[in-house]
């Protein structure tokens, strides 16, 4: 039950906290059309292709009640480490390029 409550809070956050869209350069929420999160359920914690199946019920803008499934990707510890290392390499490269452009 605690995980479902946590997932519901995270989905509500994605519906309400805006972030900058890198493509359009506008602030928007990732789940813009969701007015209300009515239910979140995790039928099993067994992953399928590194995805956790989550059943949801939303109230959607202009469409009303919607029930469906979300598949949430769960990265392995190795993938997380690899992603952090790649991010550090990219950051170092950006810093190097910026330093060269100031010369």
N, C-alpha and C. Protein backbone atom coordinates (compact mmCIF):
# COMPACT_ATOMS: atom_id res chain seq x y z
N UNK A 1 0.80 -1.21 0.00
CA UNK A 1 0.00 0.00 0.00
C UNK A 1 0.85 1.28 0.00
N UNK A 2 1.99 1.28 0.69
CA UNK A 2 2.82 2.50 0.75
C UNK A 2 3.35 2.86 -0.62
N UNK A 3 3.70 1.84 -1.43
CA UNK A 3 4.25 2.14 -2.74
C UNK A 3 3.19 2.76 -3.65
N UNK A 4 1.96 2.26 -3.55
CA UNK A 4 0.89 2.81 -4.37
C UNK A 4 0.62 4.27 -3.99
N UNK A 5 0.68 4.59 -2.70
CA UNK A 5 0.50 5.98 -2.27
C UNK A 5 1.65 6.85 -2.79
N UNK A 6 2.87 6.33 -2.74
CA UNK A 6 4.02 7.07 -3.26
C UNK A 6 3.88 7.29 -4.77
N UNK A 7 3.48 6.25 -5.50
CA UNK A 7 3.29 6.36 -6.95
C UNK A 7 2.19 7.38 -7.27
N UNK A 8 1.13 7.38 -6.49
CA UNK A 8 0.04 8.33 -6.71
C UNK A 8 0.54 9.77 -6.49
N UNK A 9 1.34 9.99 -5.46
CA UNK A 9 1.90 11.33 -5.22
C UNK A 9 2.83 11.76 -6.34
N UNK A 10 3.63 10.83 -6.85
CA UNK A 10 4.56 11.16 -7.94
C UNK A 10 3.78 11.50 -9.22
N UNK A 11 2.73 10.75 -9.51
CA UNK A 11 1.91 11.04 -10.68
C UNK A 11 1.23 12.40 -10.52
N UNK A 12 0.72 12.69 -9.31
CA UNK A 12 0.11 14.00 -9.06
C UNK A 12 1.14 15.12 -9.26
N UNK A 13 2.39 14.88 -8.83
CA UNK A 13 3.46 15.87 -9.04
C UNK A 13 3.70 16.10 -10.53
N UNK A 14 3.73 15.01 -11.31
CA UNK A 14 3.94 15.13 -12.75
C UNK A 14 2.78 15.85 -13.44
N UNK A 15 1.61 15.85 -12.80
CA UNK A 15 0.45 16.55 -13.35
C UNK A 15 0.45 18.03 -13.01
N UNK A 16 1.18 18.42 -11.98
CA UNK A 16 1.02 19.78 -11.49
C UNK A 16 2.28 20.65 -11.45
N UNK A 17 3.45 20.06 -11.41
CA UNK A 17 4.67 20.86 -11.31
C UNK A 17 5.26 21.05 -12.70
N UNK A 18 5.26 22.30 -13.19
CA UNK A 18 5.77 22.53 -14.55
C UNK A 18 7.29 22.43 -14.62
N UNK A 19 7.75 22.07 -15.80
CA UNK A 19 9.19 22.08 -16.07
C UNK A 19 9.39 22.61 -17.48
N UNK A 20 10.59 23.06 -17.76
CA UNK A 20 10.90 23.66 -19.05
C UNK A 20 11.05 22.57 -20.11
N UNK A 21 10.27 22.69 -21.18
CA UNK A 21 10.38 21.79 -22.31
C UNK A 21 11.56 22.25 -23.15
N UNK A 22 12.55 21.39 -23.33
CA UNK A 22 13.77 21.79 -24.05
C UNK A 22 13.52 22.09 -25.52
N UNK A 23 12.51 21.49 -26.10
CA UNK A 23 12.23 21.69 -27.53
C UNK A 23 11.45 22.98 -27.77
N UNK A 24 10.34 23.15 -27.04
CA UNK A 24 9.50 24.33 -27.26
C UNK A 24 9.92 25.52 -26.41
N UNK A 25 10.80 25.29 -25.43
CA UNK A 25 11.27 26.32 -24.51
C UNK A 25 10.11 26.94 -23.72
N UNK A 26 9.07 26.15 -23.47
CA UNK A 26 7.91 26.59 -22.69
C UNK A 26 7.80 25.72 -21.44
N UNK A 27 7.22 26.28 -20.39
CA UNK A 27 6.97 25.49 -19.19
C UNK A 27 5.67 24.72 -19.35
N UNK A 28 5.71 23.43 -19.05
CA UNK A 28 4.53 22.58 -19.12
C UNK A 28 4.71 21.43 -18.15
N UNK A 29 3.63 20.74 -17.87
CA UNK A 29 3.72 19.56 -17.00
C UNK A 29 3.76 18.31 -17.88
N UNK A 30 4.49 17.28 -17.43
CA UNK A 30 4.56 16.06 -18.24
C UNK A 30 3.20 15.39 -18.47
N UNK A 31 2.30 15.50 -17.50
CA UNK A 31 0.96 14.91 -17.65
C UNK A 31 -0.08 16.03 -17.66
N UNK A 32 0.01 16.87 -18.67
CA UNK A 32 -0.76 18.11 -18.76
C UNK A 32 -2.27 17.89 -18.74
N UNK A 33 -2.77 16.85 -19.38
CA UNK A 33 -4.22 16.68 -19.52
C UNK A 33 -4.88 15.98 -18.33
N UNK A 34 -4.10 15.59 -17.33
CA UNK A 34 -4.67 14.90 -16.17
C UNK A 34 -5.13 15.93 -15.14
N UNK A 35 -6.44 15.92 -14.85
CA UNK A 35 -6.99 16.82 -13.84
C UNK A 35 -6.92 16.22 -12.44
N UNK A 36 -7.10 14.89 -12.35
CA UNK A 36 -7.14 14.25 -11.05
C UNK A 36 -6.66 12.80 -11.18
N UNK A 37 -5.93 12.35 -10.20
CA UNK A 37 -5.49 10.95 -10.12
C UNK A 37 -6.44 10.26 -9.14
N UNK A 38 -7.30 9.39 -9.67
CA UNK A 38 -8.30 8.74 -8.83
C UNK A 38 -7.79 7.46 -8.17
N UNK A 39 -6.97 6.70 -8.89
CA UNK A 39 -6.53 5.42 -8.34
C UNK A 39 -5.21 5.02 -8.98
N UNK A 40 -4.35 4.42 -8.18
CA UNK A 40 -3.10 3.83 -8.65
C UNK A 40 -2.97 2.47 -7.98
N UNK A 41 -2.72 1.42 -8.77
CA UNK A 41 -2.56 0.08 -8.21
C UNK A 41 -1.41 -0.62 -8.92
N UNK A 42 -0.65 -1.36 -8.14
CA UNK A 42 0.45 -2.16 -8.69
C UNK A 42 0.07 -3.63 -8.45
N UNK A 43 -0.42 -4.31 -9.49
CA UNK A 43 -0.89 -5.68 -9.30
C UNK A 43 0.23 -6.65 -8.91
N UNK A 44 1.43 -6.41 -9.41
CA UNK A 44 2.57 -7.27 -9.08
C UNK A 44 3.85 -6.45 -9.23
N UNK A 45 4.84 -6.81 -8.43
CA UNK A 45 6.13 -6.11 -8.54
C UNK A 45 7.09 -6.85 -9.46
N UNK A 46 6.60 -7.86 -10.14
CA UNK A 46 7.43 -8.58 -11.11
C UNK A 46 7.63 -7.68 -12.33
N UNK A 47 8.89 -7.48 -12.69
CA UNK A 47 9.21 -6.64 -13.85
C UNK A 47 9.13 -7.46 -15.13
N UNK A 48 8.69 -6.81 -16.20
CA UNK A 48 8.68 -7.43 -17.52
C UNK A 48 9.45 -6.50 -18.44
N UNK A 49 10.60 -6.97 -18.95
CA UNK A 49 11.48 -6.14 -19.76
C UNK A 49 11.86 -4.85 -19.03
N UNK A 50 12.17 -4.98 -17.76
CA UNK A 50 12.57 -3.86 -16.90
C UNK A 50 11.46 -2.84 -16.71
N UNK A 51 10.22 -3.25 -16.83
CA UNK A 51 9.10 -2.34 -16.67
C UNK A 51 8.14 -2.86 -15.60
N UNK A 52 7.68 -1.91 -14.77
CA UNK A 52 6.70 -2.21 -13.74
C UNK A 52 5.34 -1.77 -14.26
N UNK A 53 4.39 -2.67 -14.21
CA UNK A 53 3.04 -2.37 -14.70
C UNK A 53 2.24 -1.70 -13.58
N UNK A 54 1.65 -0.55 -13.89
CA UNK A 54 0.87 0.21 -12.92
C UNK A 54 -0.50 0.49 -13.54
N UNK A 55 -1.54 0.11 -12.81
CA UNK A 55 -2.90 0.40 -13.26
C UNK A 55 -3.32 1.75 -12.69
N UNK A 56 -3.91 2.60 -13.53
CA UNK A 56 -4.29 3.95 -13.09
C UNK A 56 -5.70 4.29 -13.53
N UNK A 57 -6.31 5.19 -12.78
CA UNK A 57 -7.57 5.82 -13.16
C UNK A 57 -7.37 7.32 -13.05
N UNK A 58 -7.58 8.03 -14.15
CA UNK A 58 -7.40 9.47 -14.20
C UNK A 58 -8.70 10.14 -14.61
N UNK A 59 -8.86 11.40 -14.23
CA UNK A 59 -9.87 12.27 -14.80
C UNK A 59 -9.12 13.15 -15.79
N UNK A 60 -9.41 12.97 -17.09
CA UNK A 60 -8.70 13.68 -18.15
C UNK A 60 -9.48 14.90 -18.63
N UNK A 61 -8.77 15.97 -18.89
CA UNK A 61 -9.35 17.20 -19.40
C UNK A 61 -10.09 16.93 -20.72
N UNK A 62 -11.37 17.23 -20.74
CA UNK A 62 -12.15 17.10 -21.96
C UNK A 62 -12.56 15.68 -22.31
N UNK A 63 -12.10 14.68 -21.55
CA UNK A 63 -12.42 13.29 -21.89
C UNK A 63 -13.09 12.55 -20.74
N UNK A 64 -12.98 13.06 -19.54
CA UNK A 64 -13.59 12.40 -18.38
C UNK A 64 -12.70 11.30 -17.82
N UNK A 65 -13.34 10.30 -17.27
CA UNK A 65 -12.62 9.22 -16.60
C UNK A 65 -11.89 8.33 -17.59
N UNK A 66 -10.66 7.99 -17.27
CA UNK A 66 -9.85 7.09 -18.10
C UNK A 66 -9.16 6.08 -17.20
N UNK A 67 -9.25 4.82 -17.58
CA UNK A 67 -8.58 3.74 -16.88
C UNK A 67 -7.63 3.07 -17.84
N UNK A 68 -6.41 2.84 -17.39
CA UNK A 68 -5.43 2.20 -18.25
C UNK A 68 -4.21 1.75 -17.47
N UNK A 69 -3.19 1.36 -18.21
CA UNK A 69 -1.94 0.90 -17.62
C UNK A 69 -0.79 1.79 -18.06
N UNK A 70 0.12 2.02 -17.13
CA UNK A 70 1.37 2.68 -17.43
C UNK A 70 2.48 1.66 -17.21
N UNK A 71 3.48 1.69 -18.05
CA UNK A 71 4.65 0.83 -17.88
C UNK A 71 5.81 1.73 -17.48
N UNK A 72 6.31 1.55 -16.27
CA UNK A 72 7.37 2.41 -15.74
C UNK A 72 8.70 1.67 -15.84
N UNK A 73 9.65 2.29 -16.55
CA UNK A 73 10.97 1.68 -16.72
C UNK A 73 11.75 1.74 -15.42
N UNK A 74 12.34 0.62 -15.04
CA UNK A 74 13.15 0.53 -13.82
C UNK A 74 14.57 0.18 -14.27
N UNK A 75 15.48 1.12 -14.12
CA UNK A 75 16.87 0.90 -14.53
C UNK A 75 17.58 -0.01 -13.53
N UNK A 76 18.51 -0.79 -14.04
CA UNK A 76 19.33 -1.64 -13.17
C UNK A 76 20.41 -0.78 -12.53
N UNK A 77 21.00 -1.22 -11.43
CA UNK A 77 22.11 -0.46 -10.83
C UNK A 77 23.24 -0.21 -11.83
N UNK A 78 23.53 -1.18 -12.67
CA UNK A 78 24.58 -1.02 -13.68
C UNK A 78 24.22 0.07 -14.68
N UNK A 79 22.98 0.13 -15.10
CA UNK A 79 22.54 1.15 -16.04
C UNK A 79 22.60 2.54 -15.41
N UNK A 80 22.29 2.62 -14.14
CA UNK A 80 22.35 3.91 -13.44
C UNK A 80 23.80 4.39 -13.38
N UNK A 81 24.71 3.49 -13.01
CA UNK A 81 26.14 3.85 -12.95
C UNK A 81 26.64 4.28 -14.31
N UNK A 82 26.29 3.53 -15.34
CA UNK A 82 26.71 3.87 -16.71
C UNK A 82 26.17 5.23 -17.13
N UNK A 83 24.92 5.51 -16.81
CA UNK A 83 24.32 6.80 -17.15
C UNK A 83 25.00 7.96 -16.44
N UNK A 84 25.35 7.75 -15.17
CA UNK A 84 26.05 8.80 -14.43
C UNK A 84 27.44 9.05 -15.01
N UNK A 85 28.14 7.97 -15.36
CA UNK A 85 29.47 8.12 -15.96
C UNK A 85 29.39 8.85 -17.29
N UNK A 86 28.41 8.50 -18.10
CA UNK A 86 28.23 9.17 -19.40
C UNK A 86 27.89 10.64 -19.19
N UNK A 87 27.05 10.94 -18.20
CA UNK A 87 26.72 12.33 -17.89
C UNK A 87 27.94 13.13 -17.46
N UNK A 88 28.81 12.50 -16.67
CA UNK A 88 30.04 13.17 -16.23
C UNK A 88 30.96 13.45 -17.42
N UNK A 89 31.05 12.48 -18.34
CA UNK A 89 31.88 12.70 -19.54
C UNK A 89 31.32 13.84 -20.39
N UNK A 90 30.00 13.87 -20.57
CA UNK A 90 29.37 14.94 -21.35
C UNK A 90 29.59 16.29 -20.68
N UNK A 91 29.45 16.35 -19.37
CA UNK A 91 29.65 17.61 -18.65
C UNK A 91 31.08 18.09 -18.81
N UNK A 92 32.04 17.18 -18.72
CA UNK A 92 33.45 17.56 -18.90
C UNK A 92 33.69 18.08 -20.32
N UNK A 93 33.08 17.43 -21.30
CA UNK A 93 33.25 17.86 -22.69
C UNK A 93 32.62 19.24 -22.92
N UNK A 94 31.47 19.48 -22.34
CA UNK A 94 30.82 20.79 -22.47
C UNK A 94 31.69 21.87 -21.82
N UNK A 95 32.22 21.57 -20.65
CA UNK A 95 33.10 22.52 -19.96
C UNK A 95 34.33 22.83 -20.81
N UNK A 96 34.91 21.81 -21.42
CA UNK A 96 36.09 21.99 -22.27
C UNK A 96 35.75 22.87 -23.48
N UNK A 97 34.63 22.59 -24.13
CA UNK A 97 34.22 23.37 -25.31
C UNK A 97 33.94 24.81 -24.94
N UNK A 98 33.26 25.03 -23.81
CA UNK A 98 32.98 26.39 -23.37
C UNK A 98 34.26 27.15 -23.06
N UNK A 99 35.22 26.48 -22.41
CA UNK A 99 36.51 27.11 -22.10
C UNK A 99 37.26 27.49 -23.37
N UNK A 100 37.24 26.62 -24.37
CA UNK A 100 37.92 26.89 -25.65
C UNK A 100 37.26 28.06 -26.38
N UNK A 101 35.95 28.17 -26.28
CA UNK A 101 35.25 29.23 -27.00
C UNK A 101 35.50 30.60 -26.39
N UNK A 102 35.94 30.66 -25.13
CA UNK A 102 36.24 31.93 -24.48
C UNK A 102 37.63 32.45 -24.82
N UNK A 103 38.45 31.62 -25.41
CA UNK A 103 39.84 32.02 -25.73
C UNK A 103 39.89 32.95 -26.91
